[in-house]
């Protein structure tokens, strides 16, 4: 199954841009209700202690995974394949992260996002980050649908 982000054209986002070779290159998968992502942290993404994942990286994962989920949901609502023209884009209106416990850096993290509310231009999503089967962070994202012209 192709990742949501691999369907976006000319996406250089640090977190989710398939066209950014130096970015995180997250890959989210949408089943119409829940999106999932497995991400393998890199050593340079450590917090002060090198065995823990930096909180900013966790926030970026929640942000990009959730915004990608919002975009996939809008495509579903329009009964179109992800990435087809005219392209749908969303941006982060608000990101809230609750760090529940330290996230080890030496194992993959699992993200799960669900759409809680969706309107014409605003989607509210909840996302969890898990490591070793334990939820280590939770986030809420408000994704705002923007016209394609915002990229220009």
C-alpha atoms as a PDB file:
ATOM      1  CA  UNK A   1       0.000   0.000   0.000  1.00  0.00           C
ATOM      2  CA  UNK A   2       1.337   3.424  -0.967  1.00  0.00           C
ATOM      3  CA  UNK A   3       1.869   5.867   1.891  1.00  0.00           C
ATOM      4  CA  UNK A   4      -0.312   8.986   1.991  1.00  0.00           C
ATOM      5  CA  UNK A   5       2.743  11.235   1.638  1.00  0.00           C
ATOM      6  CA  UNK A   6       4.042   9.399  -1.439  1.00  0.00           C
ATOM      7  CA  UNK A   7       0.988  10.645  -3.338  1.00  0.00           C
ATOM      8  CA  UNK A   8       1.706  14.345  -2.740  1.00  0.00           C
ATOM      9  CA  UNK A   9       3.469  16.188  -5.537  1.00  0.00           C
ATOM     10  CA  UNK A  10       6.387  18.517  -4.787  1.00  0.00           C
ATOM     11  CA  UNK A  11       6.289  18.054  -1.005  1.00  0.00           C
ATOM     12  CA  UNK A  12       9.481  19.203   0.699  1.00  0.00           C
ATOM     13  CA  UNK A  13       8.146  19.218   4.277  1.00  0.00           C
ATOM     14  CA  UNK A  14      10.826  18.270   6.803  1.00  0.00           C
ATOM     15  CA  UNK A  15       8.538  15.778   8.539  1.00  0.00           C
ATOM     16  CA  UNK A  16       6.574  14.169   5.740  1.00  0.00           C
ATOM     17  CA  UNK A  17       7.991  15.356   2.439  1.00  0.00           C
ATOM     18  CA  UNK A  18       8.918  12.492   0.148  1.00  0.00           C
ATOM     19  CA  UNK A  19      10.850  15.111  -1.859  1.00  0.00           C
ATOM     20  CA  UNK A  20      13.047  16.104   1.106  1.00  0.00           C
ATOM     21  CA  UNK A  21      15.907  13.584   1.314  1.00  0.00           C
ATOM     22  CA  UNK A  22      17.163  15.114   4.586  1.00  0.00           C
ATOM     23  CA  UNK A  23      13.750  15.072   6.291  1.00  0.00           C
ATOM     24  CA  UNK A  24      12.062  12.499   8.493  1.00  0.00           C
ATOM     25  CA  UNK A  25      10.244  10.924   5.524  1.00  0.00           C
ATOM     26  CA  UNK A  26       7.352   9.591   7.604  1.00  0.00           C
ATOM     27  CA  UNK A  27       4.981   7.199   5.860  1.00  0.00           C
ATOM     28  CA  UNK A  28       1.351   7.113   6.965  1.00  0.00           C
ATOM     29  CA  UNK A  29      -1.278   4.615   5.877  1.00  0.00           C
ATOM     30  CA  UNK A  30      -5.002   5.414   5.883  1.00  0.00           C
ATOM     31  CA  UNK A  31      -7.755   2.805   5.997  1.00  0.00           C
ATOM     32  CA  UNK A  32     -10.658   5.256   5.908  1.00  0.00           C
ATOM     33  CA  UNK A  33     -10.980   5.425   9.703  1.00  0.00           C
ATOM     34  CA  UNK A  34      -7.521   5.250  11.257  1.00  0.00           C
ATOM     35  CA  UNK A  35      -4.105   6.122   9.931  1.00  0.00           C
ATOM     36  CA  UNK A  36      -0.998   4.364  11.139  1.00  0.00           C
ATOM     37  CA  UNK A  37       2.699   5.044  10.823  1.00  0.00           C
ATOM     38  CA  UNK A  38       5.791   3.205  11.982  1.00  0.00           C
ATOM     39  CA  UNK A  39       8.822   5.430  12.343  1.00  0.00           C
ATOM     40  CA  UNK A  40      12.367   4.399  13.197  1.00  0.00           C
ATOM     41  CA  UNK A  41      14.101   7.209  15.112  1.00  0.00           C
ATOM     42  CA  UNK A  42      17.598   8.252  14.102  1.00  0.00           C
ATOM     43  CA  UNK A  43      20.427   8.702  16.642  1.00  0.00           C
ATOM     44  CA  UNK A  44      20.697  12.452  15.929  1.00  0.00           C
ATOM     45  CA  UNK A  45      17.086  12.868  17.081  1.00  0.00           C
ATOM     46  CA  UNK A  46      18.025  12.228  20.698  1.00  0.00           C
ATOM     47  CA  UNK A  47      17.012  14.310  23.668  1.00  0.00           C
ATOM     48  CA  UNK A  48      19.656  15.363  26.204  1.00  0.00           C
ATOM     49  CA  UNK A  49      20.042  11.709  27.175  1.00  0.00           C
ATOM     50  CA  UNK A  50      21.000   9.894  23.996  1.00  0.00           C
ATOM     51  CA  UNK A  51      18.731   6.910  24.713  1.00  0.00           C
ATOM     52  CA  UNK A  52      15.536   9.023  24.486  1.00  0.00           C
ATOM     53  CA  UNK A  53      13.761  10.576  21.508  1.00  0.00           C
ATOM     54  CA  UNK A  54      13.729  14.393  21.406  1.00  0.00           C
ATOM     55  CA  UNK A  55      10.309  15.896  22.184  1.00  0.00           C
ATOM     56  CA  UNK A  56      10.440  18.116  19.104  1.00  0.00           C
ATOM     57  CA  UNK A  57      10.786  15.037  16.894  1.00  0.00           C
ATOM     58  CA  UNK A  58       7.756  13.526  18.621  1.00  0.00           C
ATOM     59  CA  UNK A  59       5.777  16.724  17.988  1.00  0.00           C
ATOM     60  CA  UNK A  60       6.830  16.698  14.320  1.00  0.00           C
ATOM     61  CA  UNK A  61       5.685  13.090  13.951  1.00  0.00           C
ATOM     62  CA  UNK A  62       2.285  13.871  15.469  1.00  0.00           C
ATOM     63  CA  UNK A  63       1.943  17.020  13.359  1.00  0.00           C
ATOM     64  CA  UNK A  64       2.785  15.530   9.968  1.00  0.00           C
ATOM     65  CA  UNK A  65       1.029  12.218  10.555  1.00  0.00           C
ATOM     66  CA  UNK A  66      -2.155  13.996  11.623  1.00  0.00           C
ATOM     67  CA  UNK A  67      -2.145  16.582   8.816  1.00  0.00           C
ATOM     68  CA  UNK A  68      -1.578  13.801   6.288  1.00  0.00           C
ATOM     69  CA  UNK A  69      -4.539  11.976   7.811  1.00  0.00           C
ATOM     70  CA  UNK A  70      -6.723  15.081   7.452  1.00  0.00           C
ATOM     71  CA  UNK A  71      -5.758  15.362   3.788  1.00  0.00           C
ATOM     72  CA  UNK A  72      -6.509  11.673   3.184  1.00  0.00           C
ATOM     73  CA  UNK A  73      -9.888  12.115   4.858  1.00  0.00           C
ATOM     74  CA  UNK A  74     -10.786  15.072   2.604  1.00  0.00           C
ATOM     75  CA  UNK A  75      -9.896  12.992  -0.460  1.00  0.00           C
ATOM     76  CA  UNK A  76     -12.108  10.188   0.862  1.00  0.00           C
ATOM     77  CA  UNK A  77     -14.988  12.591   1.429  1.00  0.00           C
ATOM     78  CA  UNK A  78     -14.649  13.741  -2.185  1.00  0.00           C
ATOM     79  CA  UNK A  79     -14.385  10.098  -3.343  1.00  0.00           C
ATOM     80  CA  UNK A  80     -11.037  10.744  -5.024  1.00  0.00           C
ATOM     81  CA  UNK A  81      -7.668   9.033  -4.902  1.00  0.00           C
ATOM     82  CA  UNK A  82      -5.110  10.726  -2.659  1.00  0.00           C
ATOM     83  CA  UNK A  83      -2.944  13.138  -4.627  1.00  0.00           C
ATOM     84  CA  UNK A  84      -5.245  13.579  -7.613  1.00  0.00           C
ATOM     85  CA  UNK A  85      -5.797  17.064  -8.998  1.00  0.00           C
ATOM     86  CA  UNK A  86      -6.870  19.482  -7.845  1.00  0.00           C
ATOM     87  CA  UNK A  87      -4.568  18.713  -4.941  1.00  0.00           C
ATOM     88  CA  UNK A  88      -5.854  19.037  -1.404  1.00  0.00           C
ATOM     89  CA  UNK A  89      -3.582  20.668   1.159  1.00  0.00           C
ATOM     90  CA  UNK A  90      -3.939  21.295   4.871  1.00  0.00           C
ATOM     91  CA  UNK A  91      -1.717  23.170   7.317  1.00  0.00           C
ATOM     92  CA  UNK A  92      -1.410  22.989  11.075  1.00  0.00           C
ATOM     93  CA  UNK A  93      -3.726  25.398  12.856  1.00  0.00           C
ATOM     94  CA  UNK A  94      -2.876  24.104  16.316  1.00  0.00           C
ATOM     95  CA  UNK A  95      -0.729  21.331  17.733  1.00  0.00           C
ATOM     96  CA  UNK A  96      -1.020  20.201  21.335  1.00  0.00           C
ATOM     97  CA  UNK A  97       1.244  17.470  22.668  1.00  0.00           C
ATOM     98  CA  UNK A  98       1.080  15.709  26.024  1.00  0.00           C
ATOM     99  CA  UNK A  99       4.282  13.832  26.830  1.00  0.00           C
ATOM    100  CA  UNK A 100       3.278  10.940  29.064  1.00  0.00           C
ATOM    101  CA  UNK A 101       6.572   9.101  29.507  1.00  0.00           C
ATOM    102  CA  UNK A 102      10.025   9.011  27.916  1.00  0.00           C
ATOM    103  CA  UNK A 103      10.169   7.532  24.411  1.00  0.00           C
ATOM    104  CA  UNK A 104      13.140   5.238  23.777  1.00  0.00           C
ATOM    105  CA  UNK A 105      15.124   6.094  20.667  1.00  0.00           C
ATOM    106  CA  UNK A 106      16.384   2.561  19.991  1.00  0.00           C
ATOM    107  CA  UNK A 107      13.101   1.098  18.734  1.00  0.00           C
ATOM    108  CA  UNK A 108      10.365   2.022  16.272  1.00  0.00           C
ATOM    109  CA  UNK A 109       7.512   4.261  17.354  1.00  0.00           C
ATOM    110  CA  UNK A 110       3.953   3.631  16.246  1.00  0.00           C
ATOM    111  CA  UNK A 111       1.536   6.459  15.508  1.00  0.00           C
ATOM    112  CA  UNK A 112      -2.242   6.168  15.245  1.00  0.00           C
ATOM    113  CA  UNK A 113      -4.429   9.104  14.254  1.00  0.00           C
ATOM    114  CA  UNK A 114      -8.212   9.385  14.076  1.00  0.00           C
ATOM    115  CA  UNK A 115     -10.463  12.152  12.841  1.00  0.00           C
ATOM    116  CA  UNK A 116     -12.608  13.413  15.724  1.00  0.00           C
ATOM    117  CA  UNK A 117     -14.399  16.216  13.842  1.00  0.00           C
ATOM    118  CA  UNK A 118     -14.351  17.364  10.257  1.00  0.00           C
ATOM    119  CA  UNK A 119     -15.866  20.463   8.686  1.00  0.00           C
ATOM    120  CA  UNK A 120     -15.375  22.109   5.296  1.00  0.00           C
ATOM    121  CA  UNK A 121     -12.048  23.729   6.209  1.00  0.00           C
ATOM    122  CA  UNK A 122     -11.133  22.384   9.657  1.00  0.00           C
ATOM    123  CA  UNK A 123     -10.383  18.904  10.965  1.00  0.00           C
ATOM    124  CA  UNK A 124      -9.657  17.951  14.562  1.00  0.00           C
ATOM    125  CA  UNK A 125      -7.552  14.830  14.992  1.00  0.00           C
ATOM    126  CA  UNK A 126      -6.233  12.818  17.910  1.00  0.00           C
ATOM    127  CA  UNK A 127      -2.924  10.992  17.645  1.00  0.00           C
ATOM    128  CA  UNK A 128      -1.045   8.619  19.912  1.00  0.00           C
ATOM    129  CA  UNK A 129       2.633   7.725  19.894  1.00  0.00           C
ATOM    130  CA  UNK A 130       3.586   4.313  21.256  1.00  0.00           C
ATOM    131  CA  UNK A 131       6.905   2.631  21.875  1.00  0.00           C
ATOM    132  CA  UNK A 132       7.263  -0.963  23.001  1.00  0.00           C
ATOM    133  CA  UNK A 133       3.488  -1.234  23.245  1.00  0.00           C
ATOM    134  CA  UNK A 134       3.148   1.720  25.646  1.00  0.00           C
ATOM    135  CA  UNK A 135       1.625   5.086  24.782  1.00  0.00           C
ATOM    136  CA  UNK A 136       4.323   7.683  25.413  1.00  0.00           C
ATOM    137  CA  UNK A 137       2.672  10.793  23.948  1.00  0.00           C
ATOM    138  CA  UNK A 138      -0.726  12.011  22.820  1.00  0.00           C
ATOM    139  CA  UNK A 139      -1.509  14.890  20.541  1.00  0.00           C
ATOM    140  CA  UNK A 140      -4.379  16.883  19.189  1.00  0.00           C
ATOM    141  CA  UNK A 141      -4.046  18.631  15.855  1.00  0.00           C
ATOM    142  CA  UNK A 142      -6.320  21.125  14.182  1.00  0.00           C
ATOM    143  CA  UNK A 143      -5.657  20.871  10.455  1.00  0.00           C
ATOM    144  CA  UNK A 144      -6.887  23.731   8.278  1.00  0.00           C
ATOM    145  CA  UNK A 145      -7.672  23.122   4.623  1.00  0.00           C
ATOM    146  CA  UNK A 146      -6.014  25.734   2.439  1.00  0.00           C
ATOM    147  CA  UNK A 147      -6.248  26.510  -1.274  1.00  0.00           C
ATOM    148  CA  UNK A 148      -3.472  25.182  -3.455  1.00  0.00           C
ATOM    149  CA  UNK A 149      -2.367  28.776  -4.067  1.00  0.00           C
ATOM    150  CA  UNK A 150      -0.904  28.950  -0.517  1.00  0.00           C
ATOM    151  CA  UNK A 151       2.109  27.082  -1.923  1.00  0.00           C
ATOM    152  CA  UNK A 152       2.948  29.926  -4.333  1.00  0.00           C
END
